[in-house]
Amino acid sequence: MKVSEIDMVTPETVEECLYYLGDKEKTVRLLAGGTDAVVRMKDNAGRPETWINIKGMNSLRYIREEKNGIHIGPLTTHTDIIQSKLLQEKANVLVSASNEVGGIQIQNMGTIGGNLATASPAGDTIPPLFTLDAQIELSSLGGKRMVPISDFFIGPGKTVQQAGEMITNIIIRPQAKNEIGIFEKLGPRKAQSISIVNAAIILTMGEGPRECLEGKIAFGSVGPTIIRAGKCERMLSLAPLTEERIRDVADAAWKEVMPISDGRATAKYRRSMASSLLARGLYRLMKRWEEQ
């Protein structure tokens, strides 16, 4: 199938884009980086009657800090995130994840808004957004609404985004100076494969040796949507994160995740790897904290 067989429009403004999205007479779909959409179309999935090409809409490509958090435009690429000094300083867990998205070509083309809209449980940037308490702004001809990321996903490939809506802003909280974050991924990097398991961790550290005041842990590719490891999070502040304590927290992850078996890995393997990734991430964070 050739792309030329499908109509394409290129709006210049968000308002014009929303007008096209509001057309109920034909099926439409947004096209940004196209790293997922074009692949799905070649597999005869997700083919619209009209593409709405928003790749060049620079008004939706930005990273800036405001009073209520760091604002990231949905057309911000993974390369933009990697190179952002602001995010390197105040959201390094997201920078770390963007570094693991495919290869250089995918990082240059793929967008954070596309990663969210695709709603894959294996999406690399999504677990960090959970740990950063992201808020998703959805806009339509009827107005705007904010959705906490914890409420945004309702299943594999499914979100609360309605027909006629598009993501127009993503707001995350900046990491405090006593917060450290890391992203861990299991996947054949050289093959640019999607994650078998991934995990994002943010710890708020106290003044005592390895004292963790609180933590946030989000796993990807181990359930129908991203899973927050609540039990593991509560265990983080009960005692200093010694090597023994880290093992105990990691062991608890086995019961937190709900993976399936598929062509990439068995459920049992994913459970084991979720524990291993959590342990590795916590060990690395403690080493980094002690070296500061």
Protein backbone atom coordinates (compact mmCIF):
# COMPACT_ATOMS: atom_id res chain seq x y z
CA MET A 1 0.00 0.00 0.00
CA LYS A 2 1.32 3.43 -0.93
CA VAL A 3 0.96 6.45 1.29
CA SER A 4 -0.26 8.39 -1.77
CA GLU A 5 -3.48 6.36 -1.67
CA ILE A 6 -4.50 8.18 1.52
CA ASP A 7 -5.46 11.86 1.71
CA MET A 8 -3.25 14.12 3.82
CA VAL A 9 -3.84 17.58 5.23
CA THR A 10 -1.24 19.78 6.90
CA PRO A 11 -2.76 22.27 9.34
CA GLU A 12 -0.69 25.28 10.39
CA THR A 13 -2.33 25.87 13.77
CA VAL A 14 -3.78 23.81 16.61
CA GLU A 15 -7.20 25.32 15.92
CA GLU A 16 -7.07 24.21 12.30
CA CYS A 17 -5.95 20.75 13.40
CA LEU A 18 -8.87 20.46 15.83
CA TYR A 19 -11.21 21.42 13.02
CA TYR A 20 -9.98 18.46 10.95
CA LEU A 21 -10.17 16.17 13.99
CA GLY A 22 -13.77 17.20 14.52
CA ASP A 23 -14.77 15.97 11.06
CA LYS A 24 -17.21 13.13 11.77
CA GLU A 25 -17.70 12.25 8.10
CA LYS A 26 -14.39 10.44 7.68
CA THR A 27 -11.78 8.63 9.75
CA VAL A 28 -8.76 10.78 10.52
CA ARG A 29 -5.50 10.18 12.33
CA LEU A 30 -2.69 12.41 13.49
CA LEU A 31 0.76 11.89 11.97
CA ALA A 32 3.75 13.25 13.89
CA GLY A 33 6.97 11.23 13.86
CA GLY A 34 5.25 8.30 12.18
CA THR A 35 7.54 5.75 13.83
CA ASP A 36 4.55 3.71 14.98
CA ALA A 37 1.75 4.88 12.68
CA VAL A 38 3.46 4.04 9.41
CA VAL A 39 4.52 0.60 10.64
CA ARG A 40 0.96 -0.19 11.74
CA MET A 41 -0.41 1.03 8.43
CA LYS A 42 1.91 -1.32 6.55
CA ASP A 43 0.44 -4.12 8.67
CA ASN A 44 -3.03 -3.00 7.55
CA ALA A 45 -3.86 -1.59 10.98
CA GLY A 46 -4.86 1.93 11.93
CA ARG A 47 -5.37 3.09 8.35
CA PRO A 48 -7.39 6.33 8.22
CA GLU A 49 -9.10 7.98 5.30
CA THR A 50 -7.12 11.15 5.99
CA TRP A 51 -3.80 11.75 7.71
CA ILE A 52 -3.47 15.00 9.63
CA ASN A 53 0.22 15.85 9.33
CA ILE A 54 1.33 17.86 12.37
CA LYS A 55 5.06 17.14 12.22
CA GLY A 56 5.95 20.74 11.34
CA MET A 57 3.70 22.38 13.94
CA ASN A 58 6.48 23.97 16.01
CA SER A 59 4.01 25.52 18.45
CA LEU A 60 3.68 22.02 19.95
CA ARG A 61 7.43 21.42 20.20
CA TYR A 62 8.92 22.97 23.34
CA ILE A 63 10.41 22.33 26.78
CA ARG A 64 10.03 25.09 29.33
CA GLU A 65 9.65 25.52 33.07
CA GLU A 66 6.69 27.41 34.48
CA LYS A 67 5.31 27.93 37.98
CA ASN A 68 3.23 24.74 37.89
CA GLY A 69 5.94 22.48 36.49
CA ILE A 70 7.92 21.66 33.38
CA HIS A 71 5.86 21.86 30.21
CA ILE A 72 6.72 19.56 27.30
CA GLY A 73 5.05 19.88 23.91
CA PRO A 74 3.68 16.65 22.41
CA LEU A 75 5.82 17.09 19.28
CA THR A 76 9.01 17.24 21.33
CA THR A 77 11.28 14.51 20.03
CA HIS A 78 13.29 12.08 22.10
CA THR A 79 16.44 13.82 20.86
CA ASP A 80 15.05 17.15 22.13
CA ILE A 81 14.55 15.55 25.54
CA ILE A 82 18.03 14.02 25.58
CA GLN A 83 19.66 17.34 24.73
CA SER A 84 17.59 19.49 27.12
CA LYS A 85 19.72 20.98 29.91
CA LEU A 86 16.56 21.64 31.92
CA LEU A 87 15.47 18.00 31.80
CA GLN A 88 18.99 16.74 32.43
CA GLU A 89 18.96 18.74 35.66
CA LYS A 90 15.35 18.32 36.79
CA ALA A 91 13.96 15.20 35.07
CA ASN A 92 16.93 12.94 34.43
CA VAL A 93 14.76 9.82 34.65
CA LEU A 94 12.94 10.94 31.48
CA VAL A 95 16.22 11.77 29.72
CA SER A 96 17.52 8.32 30.60
CA ALA A 97 14.43 6.69 29.10
CA SER A 98 14.58 8.71 25.88
CA ASN A 99 18.16 7.53 25.45
CA GLU A 100 16.81 3.97 25.30
CA VAL A 101 14.17 4.60 22.63
CA GLY A 102 15.25 2.76 19.47
CA GLY A 103 18.25 4.14 17.61
CA ILE A 104 19.28 7.66 16.64
CA GLN A 105 16.85 7.76 13.72
CA ILE A 106 13.89 6.84 15.93
CA GLN A 107 14.97 9.34 18.58
CA ASN A 108 15.14 12.08 15.96
CA MET A 109 11.67 11.32 14.58
CA GLY A 110 9.67 9.87 17.46
CA THR A 111 7.76 12.24 19.75
CA ILE A 112 6.73 12.03 23.38
CA GLY A 113 3.12 12.74 22.42
CA GLY A 114 3.19 9.85 19.98
CA ASN A 115 4.58 7.56 22.68
CA LEU A 116 1.67 8.50 24.93
CA ALA A 117 -1.01 8.22 22.27
CA THR A 118 0.23 4.82 21.10
CA ALA A 119 -0.34 3.64 24.69
CA SER A 120 1.93 0.63 24.45
CA PRO A 121 2.58 -1.01 27.85
CA ALA A 122 6.22 -1.22 26.69
CA GLY A 123 6.58 2.49 25.86
CA ASP A 124 9.90 3.60 27.33
CA THR A 125 9.01 7.19 28.23
CA ILE A 126 5.74 6.30 29.97
CA PRO A 127 7.03 4.82 33.29
CA PRO A 128 9.19 7.93 33.92
CA LEU A 129 6.15 10.13 33.31
CA PHE A 130 4.31 8.14 36.00
CA THR A 131 7.10 8.80 38.51
CA LEU A 132 7.08 12.50 37.55
CA ASP A 133 3.31 12.81 38.19
CA ALA A 134 2.63 13.91 34.61
CA GLN A 135 -0.57 15.70 33.66
CA ILE A 136 -1.83 15.32 30.10
CA GLU A 137 -3.66 18.23 28.45
CA LEU A 138 -6.27 17.14 25.91
CA SER A 139 -7.78 19.73 23.59
CA SER A 140 -10.83 19.63 21.32
CA LEU A 141 -13.14 22.14 19.68
CA GLY A 142 -15.14 22.03 22.92
CA GLY A 143 -12.24 23.09 25.13
CA LYS A 144 -9.42 21.61 27.19
CA ARG A 145 -9.19 19.12 30.03
CA MET A 146 -6.30 17.86 32.19
CA VAL A 147 -5.91 14.15 32.87
CA PRO A 148 -3.46 12.69 35.42
CA ILE A 149 -1.29 10.12 33.72
CA SER A 150 -2.51 7.51 36.21
CA ASP A 151 -5.99 7.89 34.64
CA PHE A 152 -4.90 8.30 31.03
CA PHE A 153 -4.39 4.65 30.03
CA ILE A 154 -7.24 2.14 30.15
CA GLY A 155 -5.68 -0.82 28.37
CA PRO A 156 -3.11 -1.85 25.76
CA GLY A 157 -3.28 0.75 23.00
CA LYS A 158 -6.24 2.45 24.69
CA THR A 159 -6.52 5.80 26.45
CA VAL A 160 -9.27 8.12 27.66
CA GLN A 161 -8.55 10.38 24.68
CA GLN A 162 -11.81 10.83 22.79
CA ALA A 163 -12.55 11.35 19.12
CA GLY A 164 -11.82 14.94 18.23
CA GLU A 165 -9.21 15.35 20.98
CA MET A 166 -5.44 15.68 20.74
CA ILE A 167 -2.62 15.97 23.25
CA THR A 168 -1.50 19.60 23.40
CA ASN A 169 0.69 19.72 26.51
CA ILE A 170 2.40 17.49 29.07
CA ILE A 171 3.25 18.88 32.50
CA ILE A 172 5.67 17.13 34.85
CA ARG A 173 6.93 18.07 38.28
CA PRO A 174 10.66 18.86 38.45
CA GLN A 175 12.81 16.56 40.56
CA ALA A 176 14.00 18.16 43.80
CA LYS A 177 17.70 18.38 44.62
CA ASN A 178 17.41 15.45 47.01
CA GLU A 179 15.64 13.30 44.41
CA ILE A 180 17.50 10.86 42.19
CA GLY A 181 16.03 8.93 39.29
CA ILE A 182 16.96 6.13 36.93
CA PHE A 183 15.44 4.16 34.06
CA GLU A 184 16.24 0.48 33.54
CA LYS A 185 15.37 -1.55 30.47
CA LEU A 186 15.68 -5.14 29.37
CA GLY A 187 15.67 -5.47 25.60
CA PRO A 188 18.08 -6.28 22.78
CA ARG A 189 19.32 -2.70 22.27
CA LYS A 190 21.29 -3.52 19.12
CA ALA A 191 18.13 -4.78 17.49
CA GLN A 192 16.29 -1.57 18.54
CA SER A 193 13.62 -3.80 20.04
CA ILE A 194 10.79 -2.75 22.31
CA SER A 195 11.24 -3.47 25.99
CA ILE A 196 10.74 -6.92 27.42
CA VAL A 197 10.56 -5.21 30.82
CA ASN A 198 11.38 -1.65 31.85
CA ALA A 199 11.28 0.31 35.09
CA ALA A 200 11.52 3.92 36.23
CA ILE A 201 12.57 4.77 39.80
CA ILE A 202 12.69 8.07 41.67
CA LEU A 203 13.91 8.24 45.27
CA THR A 204 13.65 11.15 47.70
CA MET A 205 16.71 10.90 49.91
CA GLY A 206 17.14 12.01 53.52
CA GLU A 207 20.19 13.11 55.46
CA GLY A 208 21.07 9.75 56.97
CA PRO A 209 23.18 7.08 55.24
CA ARG A 210 21.08 5.55 52.46
CA GLU A 211 17.96 7.04 54.07
CA CYS A 212 15.07 7.06 51.62
CA LEU A 213 12.15 9.27 52.61
CA GLU A 214 9.91 8.04 49.81
CA GLY A 215 10.12 6.52 46.37
CA LYS A 216 8.18 5.97 43.18
CA ILE A 217 8.51 2.87 41.02
CA ALA A 218 6.75 2.26 37.70
CA PHE A 219 7.09 -0.89 35.60
CA GLY A 220 6.38 -1.21 31.88
CA SER A 221 5.68 -4.27 29.73
CA VAL A 222 4.53 -6.33 32.74
CA GLY A 223 0.79 -5.65 32.58
CA PRO A 224 -1.97 -4.24 30.37
CA THR A 225 -0.82 -0.73 31.32
CA ILE A 226 2.01 0.73 33.39
CA ILE A 227 2.11 -0.68 36.93
CA ARG A 228 3.02 1.37 40.00
CA ALA A 229 4.70 -0.89 42.54
CA GLY A 230 2.93 0.38 45.64
CA LYS A 231 4.15 -2.28 48.08
CA CYS A 232 7.74 -1.85 46.95
CA GLU A 233 7.40 1.93 47.26
CA ARG A 234 6.20 1.66 50.86
CA MET A 235 9.11 -0.62 51.75
CA LEU A 236 11.68 1.94 50.58
CA SER A 237 11.23 4.26 53.58
CA LEU A 238 11.07 1.59 56.29
CA ALA A 239 14.84 1.17 56.66
CA PRO A 240 18.11 2.36 55.07
CA LEU A 241 18.63 0.93 51.58
CA THR A 242 21.38 -1.50 52.43
CA GLU A 243 22.14 -4.29 49.97
CA GLU A 244 19.99 -6.66 52.02
CA ARG A 245 17.11 -4.17 52.08
CA ILE A 246 17.36 -3.65 48.33
CA ARG A 247 17.07 -7.40 47.79
CA ASP A 248 13.95 -7.51 49.98
CA VAL A 249 12.33 -4.67 48.03
CA ALA A 250 13.25 -6.27 44.71
CA ASP A 251 11.84 -9.64 45.79
CA ALA A 252 8.51 -7.98 46.52
CA ALA A 253 8.26 -6.83 42.90
CA TRP A 254 7.53 -10.42 41.87
CA LYS A 255 3.97 -10.11 43.26
CA GLU A 256 3.38 -6.55 42.04
CA VAL A 257 3.60 -7.15 38.31
CA MET A 258 1.04 -8.92 36.10
CA PRO A 259 2.88 -9.98 32.94
CA ILE A 260 1.74 -12.26 30.16
CA SER A 261 3.67 -14.73 28.04
CA ASP A 262 4.18 -13.77 24.41
CA GLY A 263 6.67 -14.22 21.61
CA ARG A 264 9.28 -12.10 23.38
CA ALA A 265 9.24 -13.61 26.88
CA THR A 266 7.31 -15.78 29.31
CA ALA A 267 5.40 -14.33 32.24
CA LYS A 268 7.74 -16.07 34.68
CA TYR A 269 10.80 -14.57 33.01
CA ARG A 270 9.27 -11.10 33.06
CA ARG A 271 8.51 -11.39 36.78
CA SER A 272 12.09 -12.41 37.47
CA MET A 273 13.48 -9.60 35.32
CA ALA A 274 11.23 -7.01 36.97
CA SER A 275 12.83 -7.91 40.31
CA SER A 276 16.31 -7.86 38.79
CA LEU A 277 15.83 -4.48 37.10
CA LEU A 278 14.51 -2.97 40.32
CA ALA A 279 17.49 -4.29 42.30
CA ARG A 280 19.96 -3.04 39.68
CA GLY A 281 18.33 0.38 39.59
CA LEU A 282 18.37 0.74 43.38
CA TYR A 283 22.01 -0.37 43.62
CA ARG A 284 23.01 2.15 40.98
CA LEU A 285 21.05 4.95 42.63
CA MET A 286 22.67 4.30 46.01
CA LYS A 287 26.13 4.33 44.42
CA ARG A 288 25.35 7.58 42.61
CA TRP A 289 23.97 9.19 45.79
CA GLU A 290 27.02 8.24 47.84
CA GLU A 291 29.34 9.65 45.17
CA GLN A 292 27.64 13.05 45.11
